[in-house]
Amino acid sequence: MANATDDWSQYGISLEEKDKLVGEVIRYMLFKTHQNSGCPIKRAELTQLVTKNYHQRHLSALMINEAKEKLSSIFGYEMRELQRSQPSSKNQTQLSQQSVADSKSYVLISQLPPSVYKKYVIDVNSAHLTGFTFVIVSIVHLAGGKIPEESLFSHMRRMGLSENEESHPILGNIKLALELLVQQR
């Protein structure tokens, strides 16, 4: 056990401090995911949790990796890293390492078998939103990953959905439902 303590002492923290930091990252991921309906959480937010009291290089990456392992083994969630594609400009041929790191974010994905997930987790009251999401994501995907807003609205009108409709019997405010999808990427 002394070996594990020595490994963390090179970063100037004790094993207890390391466990506390990992716990903070896990708590932040769980609560922020629930609070924001599964929206991705930026790596910078997680890094800030670690660097507000500790300034050692690479410490935040180690804490995030350990949090990934614990979220999987204890909570049954995969903490999956997403990397947002950056629009390329004519003047910029290569992204800097910092801007690539800034574009990274994480989401939590359940590792439960589909049958268990369906029986105990899926809310039938939100199935309509899942269907709406699937259709919108399919349209965007078939358009090559990007679609002008007017084209998307045109497809929605063909399905009987108006972007200005505020009281759809199932989806409610269509524009707000669409904005929620954009937030969730």
N, C-alpha and C. Protein backbone atom coordinates (compact mmCIF):
# COMPACT_ATOMS: atom_id res chain seq x y z
N MET A 1 0.82 -1.19 0.00
CA MET A 1 0.00 0.00 0.00
C MET A 1 0.86 1.26 0.00
N ALA A 2 2.04 1.18 0.52
CA ALA A 2 2.93 2.34 0.55
C ALA A 2 3.31 2.76 -0.86
N ASN A 3 3.33 1.80 -1.78
CA ASN A 3 3.67 2.09 -3.16
C ASN A 3 2.63 3.01 -3.81
N ALA A 4 1.33 2.77 -3.52
CA ALA A 4 0.28 3.61 -4.07
C ALA A 4 0.39 5.03 -3.53
N THR A 5 0.74 5.17 -2.25
CA THR A 5 0.90 6.49 -1.65
C THR A 5 2.08 7.20 -2.30
N ASP A 6 3.18 6.47 -2.54
CA ASP A 6 4.35 7.07 -3.17
C ASP A 6 4.02 7.58 -4.56
N ASP A 7 3.19 6.84 -5.30
CA ASP A 7 2.83 7.26 -6.64
C ASP A 7 2.14 8.62 -6.62
N TRP A 8 1.28 8.85 -5.65
CA TRP A 8 0.54 10.12 -5.59
C TRP A 8 1.35 11.22 -4.92
N SER A 9 2.32 10.83 -4.10
CA SER A 9 3.14 11.84 -3.44
C SER A 9 3.99 12.60 -4.44
N GLN A 10 4.29 12.00 -5.59
CA GLN A 10 5.05 12.73 -6.62
C GLN A 10 4.26 13.92 -7.15
N TYR A 11 2.93 13.90 -6.97
CA TYR A 11 2.09 15.04 -7.36
C TYR A 11 1.79 15.96 -6.19
N GLY A 12 2.36 15.65 -5.02
CA GLY A 12 2.18 16.49 -3.86
C GLY A 12 0.84 16.31 -3.18
N ILE A 13 0.20 15.16 -3.39
CA ILE A 13 -1.08 14.91 -2.72
C ILE A 13 -1.06 13.54 -2.08
N SER A 14 -1.86 13.40 -1.03
CA SER A 14 -1.96 12.12 -0.35
C SER A 14 -3.01 11.26 -1.04
N LEU A 15 -3.06 10.00 -0.65
CA LEU A 15 -4.05 9.09 -1.20
C LEU A 15 -5.47 9.57 -0.86
N GLU A 16 -5.65 10.12 0.35
CA GLU A 16 -6.96 10.64 0.77
C GLU A 16 -7.37 11.84 -0.10
N GLU A 17 -6.41 12.72 -0.38
CA GLU A 17 -6.70 13.88 -1.23
C GLU A 17 -7.06 13.43 -2.64
N LYS A 18 -6.36 12.43 -3.13
CA LYS A 18 -6.65 11.89 -4.46
C LYS A 18 -8.05 11.32 -4.50
N ASP A 19 -8.41 10.54 -3.49
CA ASP A 19 -9.76 9.96 -3.43
C ASP A 19 -10.83 11.05 -3.38
N LYS A 20 -10.55 12.12 -2.64
CA LYS A 20 -11.49 13.24 -2.54
C LYS A 20 -11.68 13.91 -3.89
N LEU A 21 -10.58 14.14 -4.61
CA LEU A 21 -10.67 14.77 -5.94
C LEU A 21 -11.43 13.89 -6.92
N VAL A 22 -11.15 12.61 -6.92
CA VAL A 22 -11.86 11.68 -7.80
C VAL A 22 -13.35 11.70 -7.46
N GLY A 23 -13.67 11.71 -6.17
CA GLY A 23 -15.07 11.78 -5.73
C GLY A 23 -15.76 13.04 -6.22
N GLU A 24 -15.04 14.17 -6.20
CA GLU A 24 -15.61 15.42 -6.69
C GLU A 24 -15.91 15.35 -8.18
N VAL A 25 -15.00 14.76 -8.94
CA VAL A 25 -15.22 14.61 -10.39
C VAL A 25 -16.44 13.71 -10.64
N ILE A 26 -16.54 12.61 -9.91
CA ILE A 26 -17.67 11.68 -10.07
C ILE A 26 -18.98 12.37 -9.70
N ARG A 27 -19.00 13.05 -8.57
CA ARG A 27 -20.20 13.76 -8.13
C ARG A 27 -20.63 14.79 -9.18
N TYR A 28 -19.66 15.54 -9.66
CA TYR A 28 -19.96 16.57 -10.66
C TYR A 28 -20.57 15.94 -11.91
N MET A 29 -19.98 14.85 -12.39
CA MET A 29 -20.51 14.18 -13.59
C MET A 29 -21.94 13.69 -13.37
N LEU A 30 -22.19 13.04 -12.24
CA LEU A 30 -23.52 12.49 -11.98
C LEU A 30 -24.57 13.59 -11.85
N PHE A 31 -24.28 14.60 -11.03
CA PHE A 31 -25.28 15.63 -10.78
C PHE A 31 -25.48 16.54 -11.99
N LYS A 32 -24.41 16.89 -12.67
CA LYS A 32 -24.52 17.77 -13.83
C LYS A 32 -25.24 17.05 -14.98
N THR A 33 -24.99 15.75 -15.14
CA THR A 33 -25.68 14.97 -16.18
C THR A 33 -27.18 14.96 -15.91
N HIS A 34 -27.55 14.73 -14.66
CA HIS A 34 -28.97 14.70 -14.30
C HIS A 34 -29.59 16.09 -14.43
N GLN A 35 -28.89 17.09 -13.95
CA GLN A 35 -29.40 18.47 -13.96
C GLN A 35 -29.60 18.99 -15.38
N ASN A 36 -28.72 18.62 -16.31
CA ASN A 36 -28.78 19.15 -17.67
C ASN A 36 -29.29 18.14 -18.69
N SER A 37 -30.06 17.17 -18.25
CA SER A 37 -30.71 16.19 -19.12
C SER A 37 -29.75 15.49 -20.07
N GLY A 38 -28.59 15.12 -19.57
CA GLY A 38 -27.63 14.36 -20.37
C GLY A 38 -26.76 15.17 -21.29
N CYS A 39 -26.78 16.51 -21.18
CA CYS A 39 -25.93 17.34 -22.03
C CYS A 39 -24.46 17.05 -21.72
N PRO A 40 -23.59 17.11 -22.72
CA PRO A 40 -22.16 16.88 -22.48
C PRO A 40 -21.57 17.86 -21.48
N ILE A 41 -20.60 17.39 -20.75
CA ILE A 41 -19.91 18.20 -19.74
C ILE A 41 -18.49 18.45 -20.24
N LYS A 42 -18.12 19.71 -20.28
CA LYS A 42 -16.82 20.08 -20.83
C LYS A 42 -15.69 19.63 -19.93
N ARG A 43 -14.62 19.20 -20.58
CA ARG A 43 -13.42 18.78 -19.87
C ARG A 43 -12.88 19.92 -19.00
N ALA A 44 -13.00 21.14 -19.48
CA ALA A 44 -12.51 22.31 -18.73
C ALA A 44 -13.19 22.43 -17.37
N GLU A 45 -14.48 22.07 -17.30
CA GLU A 45 -15.20 22.12 -16.03
C GLU A 45 -14.61 21.11 -15.04
N LEU A 46 -14.30 19.91 -15.54
CA LEU A 46 -13.73 18.88 -14.67
C LEU A 46 -12.31 19.24 -14.25
N THR A 47 -11.56 19.79 -15.19
CA THR A 47 -10.18 20.19 -14.90
C THR A 47 -10.17 21.28 -13.83
N GLN A 48 -11.12 22.19 -13.90
CA GLN A 48 -11.20 23.28 -12.94
C GLN A 48 -11.45 22.77 -11.52
N LEU A 49 -12.21 21.68 -11.39
CA LEU A 49 -12.43 21.08 -10.07
C LEU A 49 -11.10 20.69 -9.42
N VAL A 50 -10.19 20.18 -10.22
CA VAL A 50 -8.91 19.70 -9.71
C VAL A 50 -7.93 20.85 -9.53
N THR A 51 -7.88 21.74 -10.52
CA THR A 51 -6.84 22.78 -10.50
C THR A 51 -7.16 23.96 -9.59
N LYS A 52 -8.36 24.02 -9.03
CA LYS A 52 -8.65 25.15 -8.13
C LYS A 52 -7.79 25.09 -6.88
N ASN A 53 -7.38 23.89 -6.46
CA ASN A 53 -6.52 23.76 -5.28
C ASN A 53 -5.17 23.12 -5.58
N TYR A 54 -5.06 22.45 -6.72
CA TYR A 54 -3.82 21.75 -7.07
C TYR A 54 -3.40 22.18 -8.47
N HIS A 55 -2.14 22.54 -8.62
CA HIS A 55 -1.68 23.05 -9.91
C HIS A 55 -0.68 22.13 -10.60
N GLN A 56 -0.60 20.89 -10.15
CA GLN A 56 0.34 19.95 -10.75
C GLN A 56 -0.10 19.58 -12.16
N ARG A 57 0.87 19.51 -13.02
CA ARG A 57 0.61 19.17 -14.41
C ARG A 57 0.13 17.71 -14.52
N HIS A 58 -0.80 17.46 -15.35
CA HIS A 58 -1.35 16.13 -15.64
C HIS A 58 -2.20 15.55 -14.50
N LEU A 59 -2.33 16.25 -13.38
CA LEU A 59 -3.11 15.71 -12.27
C LEU A 59 -4.59 15.59 -12.64
N SER A 60 -5.12 16.58 -13.34
CA SER A 60 -6.54 16.52 -13.70
C SER A 60 -6.82 15.34 -14.64
N ALA A 61 -5.90 15.06 -15.57
CA ALA A 61 -6.10 13.92 -16.47
C ALA A 61 -6.12 12.61 -15.69
N LEU A 62 -5.26 12.49 -14.69
CA LEU A 62 -5.24 11.29 -13.86
C LEU A 62 -6.53 11.15 -13.06
N MET A 63 -7.04 12.27 -12.53
CA MET A 63 -8.28 12.23 -11.75
C MET A 63 -9.46 11.84 -12.64
N ILE A 64 -9.50 12.39 -13.85
CA ILE A 64 -10.59 12.07 -14.78
C ILE A 64 -10.53 10.60 -15.16
N ASN A 65 -9.34 10.07 -15.43
CA ASN A 65 -9.21 8.65 -15.78
C ASN A 65 -9.63 7.74 -14.63
N GLU A 66 -9.27 8.11 -13.40
CA GLU A 66 -9.68 7.30 -12.26
C GLU A 66 -11.19 7.40 -12.06
N ALA A 67 -11.76 8.58 -12.28
CA ALA A 67 -13.21 8.76 -12.17
C ALA A 67 -13.92 7.88 -13.20
N LYS A 68 -13.37 7.79 -14.42
CA LYS A 68 -13.94 6.93 -15.46
C LYS A 68 -14.02 5.48 -14.98
N GLU A 69 -12.93 5.00 -14.38
CA GLU A 69 -12.89 3.62 -13.90
C GLU A 69 -13.92 3.39 -12.81
N LYS A 70 -14.02 4.32 -11.85
CA LYS A 70 -14.97 4.15 -10.74
C LYS A 70 -16.41 4.28 -11.20
N LEU A 71 -16.68 5.21 -12.13
CA LEU A 71 -18.04 5.33 -12.65
C LEU A 71 -18.48 4.03 -13.32
N SER A 72 -17.54 3.36 -13.97
CA SER A 72 -17.85 2.09 -14.62
C SER A 72 -18.03 0.97 -13.61
N SER A 73 -17.07 0.81 -12.70
CA SER A 73 -17.11 -0.32 -11.79
C SER A 73 -18.13 -0.18 -10.67
N ILE A 74 -18.39 1.04 -10.23
CA ILE A 74 -19.31 1.23 -9.10
C ILE A 74 -20.72 1.59 -9.56
N PHE A 75 -20.82 2.52 -10.52
CA PHE A 75 -22.13 3.05 -10.90
C PHE A 75 -22.68 2.44 -12.19
N GLY A 76 -21.85 1.74 -12.96
CA GLY A 76 -22.33 1.13 -14.19
C GLY A 76 -22.50 2.12 -15.34
N TYR A 77 -21.71 3.20 -15.32
CA TYR A 77 -21.74 4.17 -16.40
C TYR A 77 -20.41 4.21 -17.12
N GLU A 78 -20.49 4.33 -18.44
CA GLU A 78 -19.29 4.59 -19.21
C GLU A 78 -19.19 6.11 -19.36
N MET A 79 -18.06 6.67 -18.98
CA MET A 79 -17.83 8.11 -19.15
C MET A 79 -17.12 8.25 -20.50
N ARG A 80 -17.90 8.55 -21.53
CA ARG A 80 -17.36 8.58 -22.89
C ARG A 80 -16.94 10.00 -23.28
N GLU A 81 -15.75 10.06 -23.84
CA GLU A 81 -15.21 11.35 -24.27
C GLU A 81 -15.70 11.68 -25.67
N LEU A 82 -16.19 12.90 -25.82
CA LEU A 82 -16.61 13.39 -27.12
C LEU A 82 -15.64 14.48 -27.54
N GLN A 83 -15.39 14.60 -28.81
CA GLN A 83 -14.56 15.69 -29.28
C GLN A 83 -15.34 16.44 -30.32
N ARG A 84 -15.63 17.67 -30.03
CA ARG A 84 -16.42 18.50 -30.93
C ARG A 84 -15.57 18.89 -32.12
N SER A 85 -16.12 18.72 -33.30
CA SER A 85 -15.36 19.10 -34.49
C SER A 85 -15.35 20.62 -34.59
N GLN A 86 -14.18 21.16 -34.87
CA GLN A 86 -14.01 22.60 -34.99
C GLN A 86 -14.14 22.99 -36.46
N PRO A 87 -14.84 24.09 -36.75
CA PRO A 87 -14.88 24.53 -38.14
C PRO A 87 -13.49 24.98 -38.57
N SER A 88 -13.09 24.56 -39.76
CA SER A 88 -11.75 24.95 -40.20
C SER A 88 -11.83 26.28 -40.93
N SER A 89 -10.85 27.12 -40.70
CA SER A 89 -10.79 28.41 -41.38
C SER A 89 -9.65 28.38 -42.38
N LYS A 90 -9.68 29.28 -43.32
CA LYS A 90 -8.65 29.31 -44.37
C LYS A 90 -7.29 29.68 -43.79
N ASN A 91 -7.28 30.52 -42.77
CA ASN A 91 -6.02 30.96 -42.18
C ASN A 91 -5.44 29.97 -41.19
N GLN A 92 -6.27 29.07 -40.71
CA GLN A 92 -5.83 28.15 -39.66
C GLN A 92 -5.71 26.75 -40.25
N THR A 93 -4.49 26.27 -40.39
CA THR A 93 -4.31 24.96 -41.00
C THR A 93 -4.32 23.84 -39.98
N GLN A 94 -3.95 24.17 -38.75
CA GLN A 94 -3.90 23.12 -37.73
C GLN A 94 -4.37 23.69 -36.41
N LEU A 95 -5.18 22.92 -35.67
CA LEU A 95 -5.63 23.36 -34.36
C LEU A 95 -4.51 23.21 -33.35
N SER A 96 -4.46 24.14 -32.43
CA SER A 96 -3.47 24.01 -31.37
C SER A 96 -3.93 22.92 -30.41
N GLN A 97 -3.00 22.37 -29.67
CA GLN A 97 -3.33 21.33 -28.69
C GLN A 97 -4.34 21.85 -27.68
N GLN A 98 -4.19 23.12 -27.26
CA GLN A 98 -5.08 23.69 -26.26
C GLN A 98 -6.51 23.76 -26.78
N SER A 99 -6.71 24.20 -28.02
CA SER A 99 -8.07 24.31 -28.53
C SER A 99 -8.71 22.94 -28.72
N VAL A 100 -7.91 21.92 -29.04
CA VAL A 100 -8.44 20.56 -29.13
C VAL A 100 -8.89 20.10 -27.75
N ALA A 101 -8.05 20.35 -26.74
CA ALA A 101 -8.41 19.96 -25.37
C ALA A 101 -9.65 20.71 -24.90
N ASP A 102 -9.77 21.99 -25.28
CA ASP A 102 -10.93 22.78 -24.87
C ASP A 102 -12.22 22.26 -25.50
N SER A 103 -12.12 21.60 -26.66
CA SER A 103 -13.32 21.15 -27.35
C SER A 103 -13.81 19.80 -26.84
N LYS A 104 -13.05 19.14 -25.96
CA LYS A 104 -13.44 17.83 -25.46
C LYS A 104 -14.52 17.97 -24.38
N SER A 105 -15.41 16.99 -24.36
CA SER A 105 -16.44 16.94 -23.33
C SER A 105 -16.77 15.48 -23.08
N TYR A 106 -17.58 15.24 -22.06
CA TYR A 106 -17.91 13.87 -21.65
C TYR A 106 -19.40 13.71 -21.46
N VAL A 107 -19.87 12.50 -21.72
CA VAL A 107 -21.25 12.11 -21.42
C VAL A 107 -21.20 10.78 -20.67
N LEU A 108 -22.25 10.51 -19.91
CA LEU A 108 -22.38 9.23 -19.21
C LEU A 108 -23.35 8.35 -19.98
N ILE A 109 -22.94 7.11 -20.20
CA ILE A 109 -23.77 6.14 -20.92
C ILE A 109 -23.93 4.91 -20.04
N SER A 110 -25.15 4.45 -19.87
CA SER A 110 -25.42 3.29 -19.04
C SER A 110 -24.80 2.04 -19.64
N GLN A 111 -24.26 1.19 -18.78
CA GLN A 111 -23.70 -0.09 -19.21
C GLN A 111 -24.65 -1.25 -18.92
N LEU A 112 -25.89 -0.93 -18.53
CA LEU A 112 -26.86 -1.98 -18.25
C LEU A 112 -27.24 -2.71 -19.53
N PRO A 113 -27.54 -3.99 -19.43
CA PRO A 113 -28.04 -4.71 -20.60
C PRO A 113 -29.36 -4.06 -21.06
N PRO A 114 -29.62 -4.05 -22.36
CA PRO A 114 -30.82 -3.38 -22.88
C PRO A 114 -32.12 -3.82 -22.22
N SER A 115 -32.26 -5.10 -21.92
CA SER A 115 -33.52 -5.57 -21.32
C SER A 115 -33.72 -4.99 -19.92
N VAL A 116 -32.66 -4.92 -19.15
CA VAL A 116 -32.74 -4.35 -17.79
C VAL A 116 -32.98 -2.84 -17.88
N TYR A 117 -32.26 -2.19 -18.79
CA TYR A 117 -32.42 -0.76 -18.98
C TYR A 117 -33.87 -0.42 -19.36
N LYS A 118 -34.42 -1.21 -20.29
CA LYS A 118 -35.79 -0.98 -20.73
C LYS A 118 -36.79 -1.18 -19.59
N LYS A 119 -36.58 -2.20 -18.79
CA LYS A 119 -37.53 -2.52 -17.73
C LYS A 119 -37.49 -1.53 -16.56
N TYR A 120 -36.29 -1.08 -16.18
CA TYR A 120 -36.16 -0.29 -14.96
C TYR A 120 -35.79 1.18 -15.16
N VAL A 121 -35.33 1.56 -16.34
CA VAL A 121 -34.84 2.92 -16.51
C VAL A 121 -35.68 3.75 -17.47
N ILE A 122 -36.06 3.18 -18.60
CA ILE A 122 -36.77 3.95 -19.62
C ILE A 122 -38.12 4.42 -19.09
N ASP A 123 -38.37 5.69 -19.31
CA ASP A 123 -39.63 6.30 -18.91
C ASP A 123 -40.55 6.37 -20.13
N VAL A 124 -41.65 5.61 -20.10
CA VAL A 124 -42.55 5.59 -21.25
C VAL A 124 -43.15 6.97 -21.52
N ASN A 125 -43.17 7.82 -20.50
CA ASN A 125 -43.71 9.16 -20.67
C ASN A 125 -42.80 10.05 -21.51
N SER A 126 -41.54 9.65 -21.66
CA SER A 126 -40.62 10.46 -22.48
C SER A 126 -40.30 9.79 -23.81
N ALA A 127 -40.99 8.70 -24.14
CA ALA A 127 -40.73 7.98 -25.39
C ALA A 127 -40.99 8.85 -26.61
N HIS A 128 -41.95 9.75 -26.53
CA HIS A 128 -42.24 10.65 -27.65
C HIS A 128 -41.04 11.53 -27.96
N LEU A 129 -40.34 11.99 -26.94
CA LEU A 129 -39.16 12.83 -27.16
C LEU A 129 -38.02 12.01 -27.77
N THR A 130 -37.92 10.75 -27.38
CA THR A 130 -36.91 9.87 -27.97
C THR A 130 -37.18 9.67 -29.46
N GLY A 131 -38.43 9.48 -29.82
CA GLY A 131 -38.80 9.34 -31.24
C GLY A 131 -38.50 10.60 -32.02
N PHE A 132 -38.85 11.74 -31.46
CA PHE A 132 -38.57 13.04 -32.09
C PHE A 132 -37.06 13.20 -32.29
N THR A 133 -36.29 12.86 -31.27
CA THR A 133 -34.83 12.95 -31.34
C THR A 133 -34.30 12.07 -32.46
N PHE A 134 -34.78 10.85 -32.53
CA PHE A 134 -34.31 9.92 -33.56
C PHE A 134 -34.57 10.47 -34.96
N VAL A 135 -35.74 11.02 -35.17
CA VAL A 135 -36.09 11.56 -36.49
C VAL A 135 -35.20 12.75 -36.84
N ILE A 136 -35.02 13.67 -35.91
CA ILE A 136 -34.21 14.87 -36.18
C ILE A 136 -32.75 14.48 -36.42
N VAL A 137 -32.22 13.60 -35.60
CA VAL A 137 -30.83 13.16 -35.77
C VAL A 137 -30.67 12.45 -37.11
N SER A 138 -31.66 11.66 -37.51
CA SER A 138 -31.61 10.97 -38.80
C SER A 138 -31.58 11.97 -39.95
N ILE A 139 -32.40 13.00 -39.88
CA ILE A 139 -32.43 14.01 -40.94
C ILE A 139 -31.08 14.70 -41.03
N VAL A 140 -30.52 15.08 -39.91
CA VAL A 140 -29.22 15.76 -39.89
C VAL A 140 -28.13 14.82 -40.42
N HIS A 141 -28.18 13.57 -40.01
CA HIS A 141 -27.18 12.61 -40.46
C HIS A 141 -27.25 12.40 -41.98
N LEU A 142 -28.46 12.24 -42.49
CA LEU A 142 -28.63 12.03 -43.93
C LEU A 142 -28.22 13.26 -44.74
N ALA A 143 -28.22 14.42 -44.10
CA ALA A 143 -27.80 15.65 -44.78
C ALA A 143 -26.29 15.84 -44.69
N GLY A 144 -25.58 14.86 -44.16
CA GLY A 144 -24.12 14.94 -44.09
C GLY A 144 -23.60 15.50 -42.78
N GLY A 145 -24.42 15.51 -41.75
CA GLY A 145 -23.97 15.98 -40.44
C GLY A 145 -24.30 17.43 -40.17
N LYS A 146 -24.69 18.17 -41.19
CA LYS A 146 -25.08 19.58 -41.05
C LYS A 146 -26.29 19.81 -41.93
N ILE A 147 -27.16 20.70 -41.47
CA ILE A 147 -28.32 21.04 -42.29
C ILE A 147 -28.71 22.48 -41.98
N PRO A 148 -28.99 23.27 -43.00
CA PRO A 148 -29.47 24.64 -42.73
C PRO A 148 -30.79 24.58 -41.97
N GLU A 149 -30.98 25.55 -41.10
CA GLU A 149 -32.18 25.57 -40.26
C GLU A 149 -33.45 25.50 -41.11
N GLU A 150 -33.50 26.28 -42.18
CA GLU A 150 -34.70 26.31 -43.01
C GLU A 150 -35.00 24.95 -43.63
N SER A 151 -33.96 24.21 -44.02
CA SER A 151 -34.18 22.87 -44.58
C SER A 151 -34.73 21.92 -43.52
N LEU A 152 -34.19 22.03 -42.31
CA LEU A 152 -34.69 21.19 -41.21
C LEU A 152 -36.17 21.51 -40.94
N PHE A 153 -36.48 22.81 -40.90
CA PHE A 153 -37.87 23.22 -40.66
C PHE A 153 -38.78 22.73 -41.78
N SER A 154 -38.27 22.71 -43.01
CA SER A 154 -39.04 22.21 -44.15
C SER A 154 -39.38 20.73 -43.94
N HIS A 155 -38.38 19.94 -43.53
CA HIS A 155 -38.63 18.52 -43.25
C HIS A 155 -39.63 18.35 -42.10
N MET A 156 -39.50 19.19 -41.08
CA MET A 156 -40.41 19.09 -39.94
C MET A 156 -41.84 19.42 -40.36
N ARG A 157 -41.99 20.43 -41.22
CA ARG A 157 -43.34 20.78 -41.70
C ARG A 157 -43.96 19.62 -42.49
N ARG A 158 -43.12 18.87 -43.23
CA ARG A 158 -43.62 17.72 -43.97
C ARG A 158 -44.11 16.62 -43.02
N MET A 159 -43.60 16.64 -41.78
CA MET A 159 -44.05 15.67 -40.77
C MET A 159 -45.22 16.22 -39.96
N GLY A 160 -45.65 17.44 -40.29
CA GLY A 160 -46.77 18.05 -39.57
C GLY A 160 -46.35 18.83 -38.33
N LEU A 161 -45.06 19.17 -38.25
CA LEU A 161 -44.57 19.93 -37.11
C LEU A 161 -44.13 21.32 -37.56
N SER A 162 -44.68 22.34 -36.93
CA SER A 162 -44.29 23.71 -37.24
C SER A 162 -43.30 24.19 -36.19
N GLU A 163 -42.22 24.83 -36.65
CA GLU A 163 -41.19 25.30 -35.71
C GLU A 163 -41.74 26.38 -34.78
N ASN A 164 -42.86 27.00 -35.14
CA ASN A 164 -43.45 28.06 -34.31
C ASN A 164 -44.55 27.55 -33.38
N GLU A 165 -44.84 26.27 -33.46
CA GLU A 165 -45.91 25.70 -32.64
C GLU A 165 -45.48 25.65 -31.18
N GLU A 166 -46.28 26.26 -30.32
CA GLU A 166 -45.91 26.33 -28.91
C GLU A 166 -46.71 25.38 -28.03
N SER A 167 -47.74 24.76 -28.60
CA SER A 167 -48.55 23.88 -27.77
C SER A 167 -48.92 22.60 -28.51
N HIS A 168 -47.91 21.92 -29.02
CA HIS A 168 -48.13 20.63 -29.67
C HIS A 168 -48.66 19.67 -28.61
N PRO A 169 -49.67 18.84 -28.92
CA PRO A 169 -50.28 17.98 -27.89
C PRO A 169 -49.30 16.99 -27.23
N ILE A 170 -48.23 16.63 -27.93
CA ILE A 170 -47.30 15.66 -27.36
C ILE A 170 -45.96 16.30 -27.02
N LEU A 171 -45.41 17.09 -27.93
CA LEU A 171 -44.07 17.65 -27.74
C LEU A 171 -44.06 19.02 -27.05
N GLY A 172 -45.21 19.67 -26.97
CA GLY A 172 -45.25 21.00 -26.36
C GLY A 172 -44.67 22.03 -27.31
N ASN A 173 -43.76 22.85 -26.82
CA ASN A 173 -43.13 23.88 -27.63
C ASN A 173 -42.07 23.23 -28.52
N ILE A 174 -42.31 23.21 -29.82
CA ILE A 174 -41.42 22.52 -30.77
C ILE A 174 -40.03 23.15 -30.78
N LYS A 175 -39.98 24.47 -30.75
CA LYS A 175 -38.68 25.16 -30.80
C LYS A 175 -37.85 24.81 -29.55
N LEU A 176 -38.49 24.75 -28.38
CA LEU A 176 -37.77 24.39 -27.15
C LEU A 176 -37.30 22.94 -27.20
N ALA A 177 -38.13 22.06 -27.75
CA ALA A 177 -37.74 20.65 -27.88
C ALA A 177 -36.52 20.53 -28.79
N LEU A 178 -36.49 21.31 -29.85
CA LEU A 178 -35.36 21.31 -30.78
C LEU A 178 -34.11 21.89 -30.12
N GLU A 179 -34.28 22.97 -29.35
CA GLU A 179 -33.14 23.59 -28.64
C GLU A 179 -32.54 22.61 -27.63
N LEU A 180 -33.37 21.81 -26.98
CA LEU A 180 -32.87 20.81 -26.04
C LEU A 180 -31.99 19.79 -26.76
N LEU A 181 -32.39 19.39 -27.97
CA LEU A 181 -31.59 18.46 -28.76
C LEU A 181 -30.24 19.08 -29.13
N VAL A 182 -30.25 20.36 -29.47
CA VAL A 182 -29.01 21.04 -29.83
C VAL A 182 -28.08 21.06 -28.62
N GLN A 183 -28.62 21.34 -27.44
CA GLN A 183 -27.80 21.34 -26.21
C GLN A 183 -27.20 19.97 -25.96
N GLN A 184 -27.94 18.94 -26.24
CA GLN A 184 -27.47 17.57 -26.00
C GLN A 184 -26.56 17.07 -27.10
N ARG A 185 -26.43 17.85 -28.17
CA ARG A 185 -25.58 17.50 -29.33
C ARG A 185 -25.98 16.18 -29.92
